[in-house]
N, C-alpha and C. Protein backbone atom coordinates (compact mmCIF):
# COMPACT_ATOMS: atom_id res chain seq x y z
N MET A 1 265.40 44.18 144.49
CA MET A 1 264.53 45.33 144.52
C MET A 1 264.88 46.17 145.74
N ASN A 2 265.06 47.44 145.53
CA ASN A 2 265.41 48.35 146.60
C ASN A 2 264.13 48.95 147.19
N LEU A 3 263.85 48.66 148.47
CA LEU A 3 262.62 49.14 149.09
C LEU A 3 262.69 50.60 149.48
N ASN A 4 263.87 51.16 149.58
CA ASN A 4 264.02 52.56 149.96
C ASN A 4 263.91 53.50 148.78
N LYS A 5 263.95 52.97 147.59
CA LYS A 5 263.88 53.78 146.38
C LYS A 5 262.46 54.34 146.23
N LYS A 6 262.36 55.62 145.93
CA LYS A 6 261.07 56.27 145.72
C LYS A 6 260.90 56.55 144.23
N GLN A 7 259.67 56.46 143.75
CA GLN A 7 259.40 56.84 142.37
C GLN A 7 258.32 57.90 142.37
N GLU A 8 258.38 58.78 141.41
CA GLU A 8 257.45 59.90 141.31
C GLU A 8 256.34 59.53 140.34
N ASN A 9 255.10 59.69 140.75
CA ASN A 9 253.97 59.49 139.87
C ASN A 9 253.82 60.75 139.04
N PRO A 10 253.79 60.63 137.70
CA PRO A 10 253.73 61.83 136.87
C PRO A 10 252.45 62.64 137.01
N THR A 11 251.37 62.04 137.50
CA THR A 11 250.11 62.76 137.59
C THR A 11 249.90 63.44 138.93
N SER A 12 250.83 63.28 139.87
CA SER A 12 250.68 63.97 141.15
C SER A 12 252.04 64.18 141.78
N LYS A 13 252.04 64.90 142.88
CA LYS A 13 253.28 65.17 143.60
C LYS A 13 253.53 64.15 144.71
N ILE A 14 252.66 63.12 144.83
CA ILE A 14 252.81 62.12 145.86
C ILE A 14 253.84 61.09 145.41
N THR A 15 254.78 60.77 146.27
CA THR A 15 255.77 59.75 145.92
C THR A 15 255.29 58.39 146.39
N LEU A 16 255.57 57.38 145.60
CA LEU A 16 255.14 56.02 145.91
C LEU A 16 256.36 55.16 146.18
N ALA A 17 256.34 54.44 147.26
CA ALA A 17 257.42 53.51 147.54
C ALA A 17 257.19 52.24 146.74
N GLU A 18 258.25 51.67 146.20
CA GLU A 18 258.11 50.40 145.49
C GLU A 18 257.73 49.32 146.49
N ASP A 19 256.82 48.46 146.10
CA ASP A 19 256.36 47.40 146.98
C ASP A 19 256.91 46.07 146.52
N LYS A 20 257.10 45.20 147.50
CA LYS A 20 257.49 43.84 147.17
C LYS A 20 256.28 43.14 146.57
N GLN A 21 256.53 42.30 145.58
CA GLN A 21 255.44 41.57 144.95
C GLN A 21 255.03 40.40 145.83
N TYR A 22 253.73 40.10 145.88
CA TYR A 22 253.23 38.98 146.65
C TYR A 22 253.68 37.67 146.03
N SER A 23 253.86 36.66 146.86
CA SER A 23 254.15 35.32 146.36
C SER A 23 252.86 34.71 145.82
N LEU A 24 253.00 33.64 145.06
CA LEU A 24 251.84 32.97 144.48
C LEU A 24 250.90 32.47 145.58
N TRP A 25 251.46 31.92 146.65
CA TRP A 25 250.64 31.39 147.74
C TRP A 25 249.89 32.50 148.47
N LYS A 26 250.51 33.66 148.61
CA LYS A 26 249.83 34.77 149.26
C LYS A 26 248.68 35.28 148.37
N ILE A 27 248.89 35.32 147.08
CA ILE A 27 247.82 35.73 146.15
C ILE A 27 246.66 34.75 146.21
N ILE A 28 246.96 33.45 146.21
CA ILE A 28 245.91 32.44 146.29
C ILE A 28 245.17 32.54 147.62
N GLY A 29 245.90 32.81 148.71
CA GLY A 29 245.27 32.95 150.01
C GLY A 29 244.33 34.14 150.07
N ILE A 30 244.77 35.27 149.53
CA ILE A 30 243.90 36.47 149.50
C ILE A 30 242.68 36.22 148.63
N TRP A 31 242.90 35.56 147.50
CA TRP A 31 241.78 35.23 146.61
C TRP A 31 240.77 34.34 147.33
N ALA A 32 241.26 33.35 148.06
CA ALA A 32 240.37 32.45 148.79
C ALA A 32 239.62 33.19 149.89
N LEU A 33 240.33 34.07 150.61
CA LEU A 33 239.67 34.85 151.66
C LEU A 33 238.59 35.77 151.10
N ALA A 34 238.80 36.26 149.88
CA ALA A 34 237.84 37.18 149.28
C ALA A 34 236.64 36.46 148.67
N THR A 35 236.85 35.27 148.12
CA THR A 35 235.77 34.60 147.39
C THR A 35 235.03 33.55 148.20
N ALA A 36 235.68 32.93 149.18
CA ALA A 36 235.05 31.84 149.92
C ALA A 36 233.77 32.26 150.64
N PRO A 37 233.75 33.41 151.34
CA PRO A 37 232.50 33.77 152.03
C PRO A 37 231.30 33.92 151.10
N MET A 38 231.49 34.51 149.93
CA MET A 38 230.36 34.67 149.01
C MET A 38 229.92 33.32 148.46
N THR A 39 230.87 32.43 148.22
CA THR A 39 230.53 31.09 147.74
C THR A 39 229.74 30.33 148.80
N VAL A 40 230.20 30.38 150.02
CA VAL A 40 229.51 29.69 151.12
C VAL A 40 228.12 30.28 151.32
N LEU A 41 228.02 31.60 151.29
CA LEU A 41 226.71 32.24 151.47
C LEU A 41 225.76 31.87 150.33
N ALA A 42 226.27 31.79 149.10
CA ALA A 42 225.41 31.50 147.96
C ALA A 42 224.93 30.04 147.96
N TYR A 43 225.84 29.11 148.21
CA TYR A 43 225.49 27.70 148.08
C TYR A 43 224.95 27.07 149.36
N PHE A 44 225.29 27.62 150.50
CA PHE A 44 224.83 27.03 151.76
C PHE A 44 223.94 28.00 152.56
N GLY A 45 224.23 29.28 152.48
CA GLY A 45 223.47 30.27 153.25
C GLY A 45 222.06 30.45 152.75
N VAL A 46 221.88 30.55 151.44
CA VAL A 46 220.55 30.76 150.87
C VAL A 46 219.62 29.61 151.22
N PRO A 47 220.01 28.34 150.95
CA PRO A 47 219.10 27.24 151.31
C PRO A 47 218.84 27.17 152.82
N ALA A 48 219.87 27.47 153.62
CA ALA A 48 219.69 27.42 155.08
C ALA A 48 218.70 28.48 155.54
N ILE A 49 218.78 29.68 154.98
CA ILE A 49 217.85 30.75 155.37
C ILE A 49 216.44 30.42 154.91
N ILE A 50 216.30 29.88 153.71
CA ILE A 50 214.97 29.52 153.21
C ILE A 50 214.35 28.45 154.11
N LYS A 51 215.15 27.47 154.49
CA LYS A 51 214.63 26.39 155.33
C LYS A 51 214.37 26.87 156.76
N CYS A 52 215.27 27.68 157.31
CA CYS A 52 215.16 28.13 158.70
C CYS A 52 213.96 29.05 158.91
N PHE A 53 213.71 29.94 157.97
CA PHE A 53 212.62 30.91 158.11
C PHE A 53 211.35 30.49 157.38
N ASN A 54 211.32 29.28 156.84
CA ASN A 54 210.15 28.76 156.12
C ASN A 54 209.65 29.73 155.06
N ILE A 55 210.56 30.20 154.24
CA ILE A 55 210.20 31.15 153.17
C ILE A 55 209.48 30.38 152.08
N PRO A 56 208.27 30.82 151.71
CA PRO A 56 207.51 30.09 150.69
C PRO A 56 208.16 30.20 149.32
N ALA A 57 207.83 29.25 148.45
CA ALA A 57 208.39 29.20 147.10
C ALA A 57 207.92 30.38 146.25
N SER A 58 206.83 31.03 146.66
CA SER A 58 206.32 32.17 145.89
C SER A 58 207.21 33.41 146.03
N VAL A 59 208.07 33.45 147.06
CA VAL A 59 208.98 34.58 147.25
C VAL A 59 210.15 34.42 146.28
N PRO A 60 210.44 35.44 145.49
CA PRO A 60 211.56 35.32 144.54
C PRO A 60 212.88 35.05 145.27
N LEU A 61 213.67 34.18 144.69
CA LEU A 61 214.93 33.75 145.29
C LEU A 61 215.92 34.90 145.46
N PHE A 62 215.87 35.88 144.54
CA PHE A 62 216.83 36.98 144.62
C PHE A 62 216.66 37.82 145.88
N LEU A 63 215.48 37.80 146.51
CA LEU A 63 215.27 38.55 147.75
C LEU A 63 216.07 37.96 148.91
N VAL A 64 216.46 36.70 148.79
CA VAL A 64 217.31 36.07 149.79
C VAL A 64 218.77 36.11 149.32
N PHE A 65 218.98 35.88 148.04
CA PHE A 65 220.33 35.75 147.48
C PHE A 65 221.10 37.08 147.52
N TRP A 66 220.52 38.17 147.02
CA TRP A 66 221.26 39.43 146.89
C TRP A 66 221.66 40.08 148.21
N PRO A 67 220.83 40.04 149.25
CA PRO A 67 221.33 40.56 150.52
C PRO A 67 222.56 39.80 151.03
N LEU A 68 222.60 38.50 150.80
CA LEU A 68 223.78 37.73 151.20
C LEU A 68 225.00 38.09 150.34
N MET A 69 224.79 38.38 149.07
CA MET A 69 225.91 38.80 148.21
C MET A 69 226.43 40.17 148.64
N ILE A 70 225.52 41.03 149.06
CA ILE A 70 225.95 42.35 149.56
C ILE A 70 226.78 42.19 150.83
N ILE A 71 226.38 41.26 151.69
CA ILE A 71 227.19 40.97 152.88
C ILE A 71 228.57 40.49 152.46
N GLY A 72 228.64 39.65 151.42
CA GLY A 72 229.93 39.19 150.90
C GLY A 72 230.77 40.33 150.35
N MET A 73 230.14 41.28 149.69
CA MET A 73 230.88 42.44 149.18
C MET A 73 231.39 43.33 150.30
N VAL A 74 230.60 43.45 151.36
CA VAL A 74 231.07 44.20 152.54
C VAL A 74 232.30 43.51 153.12
N TRP A 75 232.29 42.17 153.16
CA TRP A 75 233.46 41.44 153.65
C TRP A 75 234.68 41.72 152.77
N GLN A 76 234.50 41.76 151.45
CA GLN A 76 235.62 42.06 150.55
C GLN A 76 236.18 43.45 150.81
N PHE A 77 235.31 44.41 151.09
CA PHE A 77 235.76 45.76 151.41
C PHE A 77 236.55 45.76 152.71
N VAL A 78 236.04 45.08 153.73
CA VAL A 78 236.74 45.00 155.02
C VAL A 78 238.09 44.31 154.83
N LEU A 79 238.13 43.24 154.04
CA LEU A 79 239.39 42.54 153.77
C LEU A 79 240.39 43.45 153.08
N SER A 80 239.93 44.27 152.14
CA SER A 80 240.85 45.19 151.46
C SER A 80 241.41 46.22 152.44
N LEU A 81 240.58 46.68 153.38
CA LEU A 81 241.07 47.61 154.39
C LEU A 81 242.09 46.94 155.32
N ILE A 82 241.85 45.68 155.66
CA ILE A 82 242.80 44.94 156.49
C ILE A 82 244.14 44.81 155.78
N ILE A 83 244.11 44.51 154.49
CA ILE A 83 245.35 44.36 153.72
C ILE A 83 246.09 45.69 153.64
N VAL A 84 245.37 46.77 153.37
CA VAL A 84 246.01 48.10 153.31
C VAL A 84 246.62 48.45 154.66
N TYR A 85 245.90 48.17 155.74
CA TYR A 85 246.41 48.49 157.07
C TYR A 85 247.67 47.68 157.38
N ARG A 86 247.67 46.39 157.03
CA ARG A 86 248.84 45.56 157.31
C ARG A 86 250.06 46.00 156.49
N GLU A 87 249.82 46.48 155.27
CA GLU A 87 250.94 46.90 154.42
C GLU A 87 251.48 48.27 154.81
N ASN A 88 250.59 49.19 155.19
CA ASN A 88 251.00 50.58 155.39
C ASN A 88 250.93 51.06 156.82
N GLY A 89 250.23 50.36 157.69
CA GLY A 89 250.17 50.74 159.09
C GLY A 89 249.15 51.80 159.42
N ASN A 90 248.37 52.28 158.43
CA ASN A 90 247.31 53.25 158.72
C ASN A 90 246.24 53.16 157.65
N LEU A 91 245.13 53.82 157.92
CA LEU A 91 244.02 53.86 156.96
C LEU A 91 243.65 55.29 156.61
N LYS A 92 244.66 56.14 156.50
CA LYS A 92 244.42 57.52 156.11
C LYS A 92 243.99 57.57 154.65
N TRP A 93 243.23 58.61 154.31
CA TRP A 93 242.73 58.74 152.95
C TRP A 93 243.87 58.80 151.93
N GLN A 94 244.95 59.48 152.25
CA GLN A 94 246.08 59.56 151.32
C GLN A 94 246.66 58.18 151.04
N THR A 95 246.75 57.35 152.06
CA THR A 95 247.27 56.00 151.89
C THR A 95 246.34 55.18 151.01
N ILE A 96 245.05 55.27 151.27
CA ILE A 96 244.08 54.51 150.47
C ILE A 96 244.10 54.99 149.03
N ARG A 97 244.20 56.31 148.81
CA ARG A 97 244.28 56.85 147.44
C ARG A 97 245.48 56.31 146.70
N LYS A 98 246.63 56.26 147.38
CA LYS A 98 247.85 55.75 146.73
C LYS A 98 247.66 54.28 146.34
N ARG A 99 247.05 53.50 147.22
CA ARG A 99 246.87 52.07 146.95
C ARG A 99 245.85 51.83 145.85
N MET A 100 244.88 52.72 145.70
CA MET A 100 243.86 52.58 144.65
C MET A 100 244.31 53.20 143.34
N TRP A 101 245.44 53.83 143.33
CA TRP A 101 245.92 54.58 142.16
C TRP A 101 244.89 55.62 141.75
N SER A 102 244.29 56.29 142.72
CA SER A 102 243.25 57.28 142.47
C SER A 102 243.88 58.66 142.42
N PHE A 103 244.31 59.06 141.24
CA PHE A 103 244.92 60.37 141.07
C PHE A 103 244.09 61.17 140.08
N VAL A 104 243.88 62.40 140.39
CA VAL A 104 243.09 63.28 139.55
C VAL A 104 243.97 63.79 138.41
N LEU A 105 243.39 63.79 137.21
CA LEU A 105 244.10 64.37 136.08
C LEU A 105 244.14 65.88 136.27
N ARG A 106 245.26 66.47 136.03
CA ARG A 106 245.43 67.89 136.30
C ARG A 106 245.66 68.67 135.00
N GLY A 107 245.13 69.88 134.99
CA GLY A 107 245.43 70.85 133.95
C GLY A 107 245.16 70.37 132.54
N HIS A 108 246.21 70.31 131.76
CA HIS A 108 246.11 70.03 130.33
C HIS A 108 245.84 68.56 130.03
N GLN A 109 245.94 67.66 130.99
CA GLN A 109 245.76 66.24 130.72
C GLN A 109 244.30 65.89 130.46
N LEU A 110 243.37 66.49 131.18
CA LEU A 110 241.96 66.13 131.08
C LEU A 110 241.39 66.35 129.68
N PRO A 111 241.57 67.50 129.03
CA PRO A 111 241.02 67.66 127.68
C PRO A 111 241.58 66.64 126.69
N GLN A 112 242.85 66.27 126.82
CA GLN A 112 243.44 65.29 125.91
C GLN A 112 242.78 63.93 126.09
N VAL A 113 242.53 63.54 127.33
CA VAL A 113 241.89 62.25 127.59
C VAL A 113 240.47 62.25 127.07
N VAL A 114 239.70 63.30 127.33
CA VAL A 114 238.32 63.38 126.88
C VAL A 114 238.26 63.39 125.36
N LEU A 115 239.11 64.17 124.70
CA LEU A 115 239.13 64.19 123.24
C LEU A 115 239.50 62.84 122.68
N GLY A 116 240.48 62.19 123.27
CA GLY A 116 240.89 60.86 122.79
C GLY A 116 239.78 59.85 122.91
N LEU A 117 239.06 59.85 124.02
CA LEU A 117 237.94 58.93 124.19
C LEU A 117 236.82 59.25 123.21
N GLY A 118 236.55 60.54 123.03
CA GLY A 118 235.50 60.94 122.08
C GLY A 118 235.81 60.50 120.67
N GLN A 119 237.05 60.68 120.24
CA GLN A 119 237.46 60.26 118.89
C GLN A 119 237.37 58.75 118.74
N THR A 120 237.76 58.02 119.80
CA THR A 120 237.69 56.56 119.74
C THR A 120 236.26 56.09 119.61
N PHE A 121 235.33 56.65 120.41
CA PHE A 121 233.94 56.24 120.33
C PHE A 121 233.32 56.62 118.99
N GLU A 122 233.72 57.77 118.46
CA GLU A 122 233.21 58.21 117.16
C GLU A 122 233.65 57.23 116.06
N LYS A 123 234.91 56.83 116.08
CA LYS A 123 235.40 55.86 115.10
C LYS A 123 234.70 54.51 115.27
N TRP A 124 234.44 54.12 116.51
CA TRP A 124 233.78 52.85 116.76
C TRP A 124 232.36 52.87 116.19
N GLU A 125 231.63 53.99 116.40
CA GLU A 125 230.27 54.10 115.89
C GLU A 125 230.24 54.11 114.36
N ASN A 126 231.22 54.75 113.75
CA ASN A 126 231.26 54.82 112.29
C ASN A 126 231.79 53.54 111.66
N GLY A 127 232.33 52.64 112.46
CA GLY A 127 232.89 51.41 111.92
C GLY A 127 234.29 51.58 111.37
N THR A 128 234.94 52.71 111.65
CA THR A 128 236.29 52.95 111.12
C THR A 128 237.37 52.65 112.15
N TYR A 129 236.99 52.21 113.34
CA TYR A 129 237.98 51.88 114.37
C TYR A 129 238.58 50.53 114.05
N ASP A 130 239.89 50.48 113.86
CA ASP A 130 240.57 49.25 113.49
C ASP A 130 241.11 48.58 114.75
N VAL A 131 240.56 47.41 115.09
CA VAL A 131 241.02 46.69 116.26
C VAL A 131 242.14 45.73 115.93
N GLY A 132 242.54 45.63 114.69
CA GLY A 132 243.69 44.81 114.32
C GLY A 132 243.30 43.41 113.92
N TRP A 133 242.58 42.72 114.75
CA TRP A 133 242.23 41.34 114.45
C TRP A 133 241.12 41.24 113.42
N ARG A 134 240.35 42.32 113.24
CA ARG A 134 239.22 42.28 112.31
C ARG A 134 239.68 42.06 110.87
N ASN A 135 240.86 42.54 110.52
CA ASN A 135 241.37 42.41 109.16
C ASN A 135 241.74 40.97 108.82
N ASN A 136 241.98 40.14 109.83
CA ASN A 136 242.40 38.76 109.58
C ASN A 136 241.23 37.80 109.45
N ILE A 137 240.00 38.25 109.65
CA ILE A 137 238.83 37.38 109.54
C ILE A 137 238.35 37.39 108.09
N HIS A 138 238.16 36.21 107.53
CA HIS A 138 237.70 36.12 106.12
C HIS A 138 236.33 35.49 106.06
């Protein structure tokens, strides 16, 4: 793979450099870093907070659980920013947009996409949308 080769994204004028693919161990490590805090907070943090603050059983459990899950989601966001910074060396909006594949449809593309989605939903509602596997069920 040539790292100096640039490719043009057809929906914008921004060029994207080809990236090296992560190894399996790096993917597993990132997955563990992203999921472990929420798991620990859910299974150990909630009971610890309930016990530490003497929260009565009449208080719904979600009032303790969901704030901890939100903290876990904030950690996932921070982790994604760390990964983007390590890969690209900055956290500029253009860099983040490229990494998120966030490109605006321009000009003539938007009506085609909207019409295509509208026709698909219309066929789905009418029962005429063929998903392929439906014909094989007897």
